[in-house]
């Protein structure tokens, strides 16, 4: 039972960190390309989250 709880918490932490990294990288890409963050959100983030 403890192993399942630790696995769940570890996965949750990785999910939160990965999501934060994705958002920060997307905002950085929008700034470098001089485009709207909305445009990047609709393309890069949508593609990245639906790819798996």
Protein backbone atom coordinates (compact mmCIF):
# COMPACT_ATOMS: atom_id res chain seq x y z
CA UNK A 1 0.00 0.00 0.00
CA UNK A 2 2.85 2.36 0.83
CA UNK A 3 4.51 1.66 -2.51
CA UNK A 4 1.34 2.61 -4.38
CA UNK A 5 1.02 5.83 -2.41
CA UNK A 6 4.64 6.79 -3.06
CA UNK A 7 4.29 5.93 -6.73
CA UNK A 8 1.18 8.10 -6.96
CA UNK A 9 2.87 11.04 -5.23
CA UNK A 10 5.98 10.67 -7.37
CA UNK A 11 3.91 10.63 -10.54
CA UNK A 12 1.92 13.65 -9.40
CA UNK A 13 5.10 15.62 -8.70
CA UNK A 14 6.50 14.70 -12.12
CA UNK A 15 3.24 15.72 -13.78
CA UNK A 16 3.22 19.12 -12.07
CA UNK A 17 6.89 19.79 -12.82
CA UNK A 18 6.52 18.67 -16.44
CA UNK A 19 3.44 20.83 -16.93
CA UNK A 20 5.21 23.85 -15.51
CA UNK A 21 8.20 23.20 -17.76
CA UNK A 22 5.94 22.94 -20.81
CA UNK A 23 4.24 26.26 -20.05
CA UNK A 24 7.53 28.06 -19.41
CA UNK A 25 9.08 26.68 -22.61
CA UNK A 26 6.01 27.68 -24.62
CA UNK A 27 6.07 31.24 -23.33
CA UNK A 28 9.78 31.45 -24.08
CA UNK A 29 9.20 30.15 -27.62
CA UNK A 30 6.48 32.75 -28.17
CA UNK A 31 8.79 35.53 -27.07
CA UNK A 32 11.66 34.33 -29.26
CA UNK A 33 9.42 34.02 -32.31
CA UNK A 34 7.67 37.34 -31.61
CA UNK A 35 4.22 35.79 -31.78
CA UNK A 36 1.25 35.76 -29.46
CA UNK A 37 1.29 33.36 -26.53
CA UNK A 38 -2.20 32.34 -27.60
CA UNK A 39 -0.90 31.22 -30.98
CA UNK A 40 1.81 29.14 -29.34
CA UNK A 41 -0.72 27.71 -26.92
CA UNK A 42 -3.02 26.70 -29.73
CA UNK A 43 -0.26 25.05 -31.75
CA UNK A 44 2.74 23.82 -29.77
CA UNK A 45 0.99 23.03 -26.50
CA UNK A 46 -2.01 21.44 -28.22
CA UNK A 47 0.25 19.32 -30.39
CA UNK A 48 2.48 18.37 -27.47
CA UNK A 49 -0.37 17.31 -25.20
CA UNK A 50 -2.18 15.30 -27.86
CA UNK A 51 0.94 13.57 -29.23
CA UNK A 52 1.20 10.80 -26.60
